[in-house]
């Protein structure tokens, strides 16, 4: 059984989405750094600050973490403990990999349901009913579309939300539905990545859901002089 390799041939679409995700993550990290740096300069040099700076950085950090989780599944870069798995024969490792994949699928499904149920009221939508599995949509849940962030100013590109979910009332701050959108979006991405990884495990092209130790093995071989120039 071979370990899934990210350097396998990819389609143009796969390369596009790889680059898109990487650029979005890099952009978020860059914006966090820039806003924090500007705020520090403003505070200690000009005795001023961006009142919304801290909240925006916190929002961006949440986006970075949640997007990073799905990206980690995609690249098989999540850490895990495999001390017991490695002492098993190949067949036993495969069985445990499939069991762990099924457990992750169940968790990702519950995460998706919970993410939707949390975000939906902020978008004037209905959460699902059922504790473990969505059995439909509940009725009469009071929406939270009027909830806004503490300090982040309203952006013109989101003014359409006022008529769409806020009954025409204007927002003085950015509604929470916008930054909270990352919750169901990232949960859906995580579920998608786990499904893809499970399929690769069943096909035998991926060893497990956690990071491979092949890189460590290569470093050890170099350290012992097994490679010659």
Protein backbone atom coordinates (compact mmCIF):
# COMPACT_ATOMS: atom_id res chain seq x y z
CA UNK A 1 0.00 0.00 0.00
CA UNK A 2 1.49 3.33 -1.04
CA UNK A 3 1.26 6.60 0.80
CA UNK A 4 -0.74 9.28 -0.99
CA UNK A 5 1.62 11.75 -2.59
CA UNK A 6 0.66 15.35 -3.31
CA UNK A 7 3.11 15.45 -6.22
CA UNK A 8 1.10 12.98 -8.26
CA UNK A 9 -0.09 14.26 -11.69
CA UNK A 10 -3.00 16.69 -11.31
CA UNK A 11 -5.56 18.13 -13.63
CA UNK A 12 -5.62 21.84 -14.42
CA UNK A 13 -8.72 22.20 -12.22
CA UNK A 14 -6.98 20.55 -9.26
CA UNK A 15 -3.94 22.78 -9.67
CA UNK A 16 -6.20 25.83 -9.85
CA UNK A 17 -8.00 25.01 -6.60
CA UNK A 18 -4.71 24.13 -4.91
CA UNK A 19 -3.32 27.53 -5.80
CA UNK A 20 -6.56 29.26 -4.84
CA UNK A 21 -6.66 27.74 -1.36
CA UNK A 22 -2.97 28.42 -0.76
CA UNK A 23 -3.31 32.04 -1.91
CA UNK A 24 -6.38 32.63 0.25
CA UNK A 25 -4.61 31.24 3.33
CA UNK A 26 -1.53 33.34 2.56
CA UNK A 27 -3.69 36.43 2.01
CA UNK A 28 -5.45 35.97 5.35
CA UNK A 29 -2.14 35.55 7.16
CA UNK A 30 -0.74 38.61 5.39
CA UNK A 31 -3.78 40.74 6.28
CA UNK A 32 -3.53 39.70 9.93
CA UNK A 33 0.13 40.71 10.00
CA UNK A 34 -0.49 43.99 8.18
CA UNK A 35 -3.42 45.09 10.35
CA UNK A 36 -1.55 44.21 13.55
CA UNK A 37 1.57 46.06 12.38
CA UNK A 38 -0.40 49.17 11.37
CA UNK A 39 -2.24 49.17 14.68
CA UNK A 40 1.01 48.97 16.65
CA UNK A 41 2.51 51.87 14.69
CA UNK A 42 -0.63 53.97 15.07
CA UNK A 43 -0.84 53.32 18.79
CA UNK A 44 2.79 53.92 19.78
CA UNK A 45 3.70 56.60 17.26
CA UNK A 46 0.48 58.54 16.69
CA UNK A 47 -1.45 57.65 19.87
CA UNK A 48 -4.27 56.35 17.71
CA UNK A 49 -5.59 52.93 16.66
CA UNK A 50 -7.95 51.16 14.32
CA UNK A 51 -10.88 50.52 16.63
CA UNK A 52 -11.96 47.57 14.51
CA UNK A 53 -8.46 46.15 14.09
CA UNK A 54 -8.46 43.57 16.87
CA UNK A 55 -11.88 42.19 15.97
CA UNK A 56 -10.94 41.86 12.29
CA UNK A 57 -7.73 40.04 13.22
CA UNK A 58 -9.71 37.64 15.42
CA UNK A 59 -12.14 36.99 12.58
CA UNK A 60 -9.29 36.41 10.13
CA UNK A 61 -7.59 34.07 12.59
CA UNK A 62 -10.77 32.00 12.87
CA UNK A 63 -10.99 31.86 9.06
CA UNK A 64 -7.33 30.82 8.86
CA UNK A 65 -7.73 27.99 11.38
CA UNK A 66 -10.96 26.61 9.91
CA UNK A 67 -9.71 26.72 6.33
CA UNK A 68 -6.42 25.22 7.48
CA UNK A 69 -8.17 22.18 8.97
CA UNK A 70 -9.69 21.20 5.63
CA UNK A 71 -6.45 21.98 3.82
CA UNK A 72 -4.61 19.71 6.25
CA UNK A 73 -6.91 16.81 5.35
CA UNK A 74 -6.37 17.57 1.70
CA UNK A 75 -2.58 17.48 2.01
CA UNK A 76 -2.48 14.68 4.61
CA UNK A 77 -0.56 16.93 6.98
CA UNK A 78 -2.46 16.47 10.25
CA UNK A 79 -0.44 14.96 13.06
CA UNK A 80 -1.45 11.75 14.76
CA UNK A 81 -0.20 9.00 17.06
CA UNK A 82 0.63 5.84 15.11
CA UNK A 83 2.88 3.96 17.56
CA UNK A 84 0.42 1.07 17.79
CA UNK A 85 -0.53 1.13 14.12
CA UNK A 86 3.07 0.82 12.95
CA UNK A 87 3.61 -2.47 14.83
CA UNK A 88 0.71 -4.11 13.01
CA UNK A 89 1.02 -5.95 9.70
CA UNK A 90 -0.07 -4.22 6.51
CA UNK A 91 -3.57 -5.70 6.63
CA UNK A 92 -4.10 -4.55 10.21
CA UNK A 93 -2.92 -1.05 9.34
CA UNK A 94 -5.38 -0.91 6.47
CA UNK A 95 -8.27 -2.06 8.67
CA UNK A 96 -7.48 0.57 11.31
CA UNK A 97 -7.12 3.24 8.62
CA UNK A 98 -10.59 2.41 7.31
CA UNK A 99 -12.06 2.43 10.84
CA UNK A 100 -10.48 5.81 11.59
CA UNK A 101 -11.75 7.15 8.26
CA UNK A 102 -15.29 6.04 9.09
CA UNK A 103 -15.04 7.67 12.52
CA UNK A 104 -13.81 10.90 10.91
CA UNK A 105 -16.67 10.77 8.42
CA UNK A 106 -19.18 10.51 11.27
CA UNK A 107 -17.51 13.37 13.11
CA UNK A 108 -17.35 15.54 9.98
CA UNK A 109 -21.03 14.88 9.32
CA UNK A 110 -21.99 15.93 12.85
CA UNK A 111 -19.73 18.97 12.52
CA UNK A 112 -21.48 19.96 9.29
CA UNK A 113 -24.90 19.67 10.93
CA UNK A 114 -23.81 21.67 13.96
CA UNK A 115 -22.15 24.31 11.81
CA UNK A 116 -25.29 24.81 9.75
CA UNK A 117 -27.54 24.89 12.82
CA UNK A 118 -25.36 27.57 14.42
CA UNK A 119 -25.05 29.77 11.32
CA UNK A 120 -28.54 29.45 9.86
CA UNK A 121 -30.38 31.79 12.29
CA UNK A 122 -27.86 34.56 11.54
CA UNK A 123 -28.84 34.22 7.86
CA UNK A 124 -32.59 34.19 8.67
CA UNK A 125 -32.67 30.48 7.79
CA UNK A 126 -33.91 27.49 9.75
CA UNK A 127 -31.59 25.05 11.53
CA UNK A 128 -32.13 21.31 11.11
CA UNK A 129 -34.07 19.21 13.56
CA UNK A 130 -32.84 15.94 14.98
CA UNK A 131 -30.03 15.53 17.47
CA UNK A 132 -27.62 13.36 15.51
CA UNK A 133 -28.98 13.41 11.99
CA UNK A 134 -30.84 16.17 10.11
CA UNK A 135 -34.48 15.09 9.89
CA UNK A 136 -35.68 18.26 8.19
CA UNK A 137 -35.83 21.88 9.25
CA UNK A 138 -37.29 23.21 12.46
CA UNK A 139 -39.98 25.88 12.42
CA UNK A 140 -40.39 29.07 14.36
CA UNK A 141 -36.75 29.58 15.32
CA UNK A 142 -36.17 33.28 15.94
CA UNK A 143 -33.64 34.55 13.44
CA UNK A 144 -30.58 36.54 14.46
CA UNK A 145 -30.07 38.37 11.20
CA UNK A 146 -29.97 41.70 13.04
CA UNK A 147 -26.92 40.67 15.11
CA UNK A 148 -23.89 42.71 14.12
CA UNK A 149 -20.20 42.66 14.96
CA UNK A 150 -18.91 44.89 17.74
CA UNK A 151 -16.72 47.31 15.79
CA UNK A 152 -16.31 46.19 12.17
CA UNK A 153 -17.87 48.82 9.87
CA UNK A 154 -20.48 47.84 7.34
CA UNK A 155 -19.14 47.31 3.83
CA UNK A 156 -21.10 48.51 0.84
CA UNK A 157 -20.82 45.19 -0.98
CA UNK A 158 -22.99 43.60 1.71
CA UNK A 159 -25.78 46.18 1.70
CA UNK A 160 -27.95 43.74 -0.24
CA UNK A 161 -28.24 41.73 2.97
CA UNK A 162 -30.39 44.48 4.47
CA UNK A 163 -33.25 43.69 2.08
CA UNK A 164 -32.49 39.98 1.87
CA UNK A 165 -32.48 39.03 5.56
CA UNK A 166 -32.94 42.18 7.68
CA UNK A 167 -36.38 43.29 6.47
CA UNK A 168 -34.94 46.41 4.86
CA UNK A 169 -33.41 47.78 8.06
CA UNK A 170 -29.92 49.20 7.58
CA UNK A 171 -26.85 47.78 9.30
CA UNK A 172 -24.57 50.18 11.16
CA UNK A 173 -21.95 47.44 11.59
CA UNK A 174 -21.07 44.33 9.60
CA UNK A 175 -23.71 41.64 10.30
CA UNK A 176 -22.38 38.52 11.96
CA UNK A 177 -23.74 36.34 9.17
CA UNK A 178 -20.77 37.42 7.04
CA UNK A 179 -17.81 36.39 9.25
CA UNK A 180 -19.75 33.40 10.60
CA UNK A 181 -20.23 32.06 7.07
CA UNK A 182 -16.83 30.40 7.39
CA UNK A 183 -18.31 27.94 9.92
CA UNK A 184 -20.60 25.96 7.57
CA UNK A 185 -18.31 26.59 4.59
CA UNK A 186 -15.24 25.13 6.28
CA UNK A 187 -17.28 22.28 7.78
CA UNK A 188 -18.46 21.38 4.28
CA UNK A 189 -14.86 21.48 3.03
CA UNK A 190 -13.72 19.26 5.91
CA UNK A 191 -16.46 16.73 5.11
CA UNK A 192 -15.47 16.80 1.43
CA UNK A 193 -11.78 16.29 2.20
CA UNK A 194 -12.49 13.38 4.57
CA UNK A 195 -14.70 11.74 1.94
CA UNK A 196 -11.93 12.14 -0.64
CA UNK A 197 -9.31 10.76 1.77
CA UNK A 198 -11.56 7.80 2.64
CA UNK A 199 -11.94 6.96 -1.04
CA UNK A 200 -8.16 7.05 -1.49
CA UNK A 201 -7.71 4.76 1.53
CA UNK A 202 -10.23 2.27 0.14
CA UNK A 203 -8.43 2.36 -3.21
CA UNK A 204 -5.09 1.80 -1.50
CA UNK A 205 -3.48 5.03 -2.71
CA UNK A 206 -3.36 6.56 0.77
CA UNK A 207 -2.07 4.93 3.94
CA UNK A 208 -3.93 6.91 6.61
CA UNK A 209 -5.45 10.29 7.45
CA UNK A 210 -2.36 11.57 9.26
CA UNK A 211 0.96 12.87 8.01
CA UNK A 212 3.36 10.39 6.45
CA UNK A 213 6.68 9.59 8.07
CA UNK A 214 8.37 9.10 4.72
CA UNK A 215 10.12 12.47 4.95
CA UNK A 216 11.53 11.53 8.36
CA UNK A 217 12.74 8.21 6.93
CA UNK A 218 14.51 10.00 4.10
CA UNK A 219 16.26 12.36 6.54
CA UNK A 220 17.37 9.38 8.63
CA UNK A 221 18.78 7.62 5.57
CA UNK A 222 20.75 10.74 4.63
CA UNK A 223 22.04 11.04 8.21
CA UNK A 224 23.32 7.46 8.05
CA UNK A 225 25.02 8.07 4.73
CA UNK A 226 22.87 5.69 2.74
CA UNK A 227 22.82 8.07 -0.20
CA UNK A 228 25.90 8.84 -2.22
CA UNK A 229 26.53 11.94 -4.23
